[in-house]
């Protein structure tokens, strides 16, 4: 799966309208992107910290899963 931001935008626009595998593709793409960002941020931290990038992203996904989200395209609205 490409993590091209344009692909993620396409998947977000189709959120809730397309097949379930589109939702899975979105979550996969976003997860990988967030994991990379978290790993980059943690690379500069001291060795003593205990939070890992994967744990941070998992926590974010748990919170997103509980949120009632609706994505709008500001250009179309």
C-alpha atoms as a PDB file:
ATOM      1  CA  UNK A   1       0.000   0.000   0.000  1.00  0.00           C
ATOM      2  CA  UNK A   2       1.366   3.352  -0.985  1.00  0.00           C
ATOM      3  CA  UNK A   3       1.434   5.967   1.746  1.00  0.00           C
ATOM      4  CA  UNK A   4       1.028   8.724  -0.810  1.00  0.00           C
ATOM      5  CA  UNK A   5      -0.927  11.547   0.881  1.00  0.00           C
ATOM      6  CA  UNK A   6      -3.160  11.802  -2.187  1.00  0.00           C
ATOM      7  CA  UNK A   7      -4.181   8.160  -1.747  1.00  0.00           C
ATOM      8  CA  UNK A   8      -4.945   8.762   1.926  1.00  0.00           C
ATOM      9  CA  UNK A   9      -7.048  11.799   0.949  1.00  0.00           C
ATOM     10  CA  UNK A  10      -8.973   9.672  -1.571  1.00  0.00           C
ATOM     11  CA  UNK A  11      -9.628   7.044   1.084  1.00  0.00           C
ATOM     12  CA  UNK A  12     -10.769   9.699   3.579  1.00  0.00           C
ATOM     13  CA  UNK A  13     -13.194  11.145   1.031  1.00  0.00           C
ATOM     14  CA  UNK A  14     -14.725   7.702   0.606  1.00  0.00           C
ATOM     15  CA  UNK A  15     -14.918   7.035   4.352  1.00  0.00           C
ATOM     16  CA  UNK A  16     -18.212   5.346   5.132  1.00  0.00           C
ATOM     17  CA  UNK A  17     -19.311   5.325   1.492  1.00  0.00           C
ATOM     18  CA  UNK A  18     -17.106   2.607   0.028  1.00  0.00           C
ATOM     19  CA  UNK A  19     -16.515  -1.044   0.728  1.00  0.00           C
ATOM     20  CA  UNK A  20     -15.084  -2.203   4.054  1.00  0.00           C
ATOM     21  CA  UNK A  21     -11.721  -2.958   2.466  1.00  0.00           C
ATOM     22  CA  UNK A  22     -11.372   0.780   1.705  1.00  0.00           C
ATOM     23  CA  UNK A  23     -11.606   1.426   5.455  1.00  0.00           C
ATOM     24  CA  UNK A  24      -8.968  -1.221   6.087  1.00  0.00           C
ATOM     25  CA  UNK A  25      -6.712   0.320   3.420  1.00  0.00           C
ATOM     26  CA  UNK A  26      -7.144   3.731   5.066  1.00  0.00           C
ATOM     27  CA  UNK A  27      -6.307   2.426   8.523  1.00  0.00           C
ATOM     28  CA  UNK A  28      -3.274   0.584   7.192  1.00  0.00           C
ATOM     29  CA  UNK A  29      -1.956   3.643   5.359  1.00  0.00           C
ATOM     30  CA  UNK A  30      -2.554   5.995   8.280  1.00  0.00           C
ATOM     31  CA  UNK A  31      -1.074   3.535  10.768  1.00  0.00           C
ATOM     32  CA  UNK A  32       2.151   3.187   8.795  1.00  0.00           C
ATOM     33  CA  UNK A  33       2.452   6.942   8.326  1.00  0.00           C
ATOM     34  CA  UNK A  34       1.860   7.653  12.043  1.00  0.00           C
ATOM     35  CA  UNK A  35       4.302   4.896  13.022  1.00  0.00           C
ATOM     36  CA  UNK A  36       7.016   6.463  10.844  1.00  0.00           C
ATOM     37  CA  UNK A  37       6.378   9.937  12.272  1.00  0.00           C
ATOM     38  CA  UNK A  38       6.448   8.614  15.849  1.00  0.00           C
ATOM     39  CA  UNK A  39       9.672   6.681  15.231  1.00  0.00           C
ATOM     40  CA  UNK A  40      11.305   9.804  13.792  1.00  0.00           C
ATOM     41  CA  UNK A  41      10.225  11.849  16.814  1.00  0.00           C
ATOM     42  CA  UNK A  42      11.397   9.230  19.308  1.00  0.00           C
ATOM     43  CA  UNK A  43      14.805   8.941  17.618  1.00  0.00           C
ATOM     44  CA  UNK A  44      15.851  12.185  19.286  1.00  0.00           C
ATOM     45  CA  UNK A  45      14.765  11.139  22.775  1.00  0.00           C
ATOM     46  CA  UNK A  46      17.094   9.985  25.527  1.00  0.00           C
ATOM     47  CA  UNK A  47      17.537   6.255  26.109  1.00  0.00           C
ATOM     48  CA  UNK A  48      15.653   6.407  29.425  1.00  0.00           C
ATOM     49  CA  UNK A  49      12.150   6.939  28.073  1.00  0.00           C
ATOM     50  CA  UNK A  50       9.810   3.959  28.107  1.00  0.00           C
ATOM     51  CA  UNK A  51       7.136   4.859  25.550  1.00  0.00           C
ATOM     52  CA  UNK A  52       7.675   3.267  22.151  1.00  0.00           C
ATOM     53  CA  UNK A  53       6.386   4.567  18.785  1.00  0.00           C
ATOM     54  CA  UNK A  54       4.163   1.522  18.286  1.00  0.00           C
ATOM     55  CA  UNK A  55       2.538   1.953  21.704  1.00  0.00           C
ATOM     56  CA  UNK A  56       1.885   5.627  20.998  1.00  0.00           C
ATOM     57  CA  UNK A  57       0.229   4.848  17.658  1.00  0.00           C
ATOM     58  CA  UNK A  58      -1.833   2.037  19.202  1.00  0.00           C
ATOM     59  CA  UNK A  59      -3.100   4.441  21.864  1.00  0.00           C
ATOM     60  CA  UNK A  60      -4.035   6.964  19.161  1.00  0.00           C
ATOM     61  CA  UNK A  61      -5.920   4.261  17.243  1.00  0.00           C
ATOM     62  CA  UNK A  62      -7.806   3.214  20.372  1.00  0.00           C
ATOM     63  CA  UNK A  63      -8.911   6.796  20.909  1.00  0.00           C
ATOM     64  CA  UNK A  64      -9.863   7.222  17.250  1.00  0.00           C
ATOM     65  CA  UNK A  65     -11.898   4.029  17.408  1.00  0.00           C
ATOM     66  CA  UNK A  66     -13.989   5.501  20.218  1.00  0.00           C
ATOM     67  CA  UNK A  67     -14.515   8.848  18.480  1.00  0.00           C
ATOM     68  CA  UNK A  68     -17.530   9.630  16.326  1.00  0.00           C
ATOM     69  CA  UNK A  69     -15.722  10.977  13.274  1.00  0.00           C
ATOM     70  CA  UNK A  70     -17.021  12.498  10.093  1.00  0.00           C
ATOM     71  CA  UNK A  71     -14.656  13.646   7.380  1.00  0.00           C
ATOM     72  CA  UNK A  72     -15.595  16.531   5.148  1.00  0.00           C
ATOM     73  CA  UNK A  73     -13.922  17.870   2.062  1.00  0.00           C
ATOM     74  CA  UNK A  74     -13.617  21.634   2.685  1.00  0.00           C
ATOM     75  CA  UNK A  75     -13.434  22.265  -1.042  1.00  0.00           C
ATOM     76  CA  UNK A  76     -16.797  20.602  -1.645  1.00  0.00           C
ATOM     77  CA  UNK A  77     -18.534  22.020   1.465  1.00  0.00           C
END
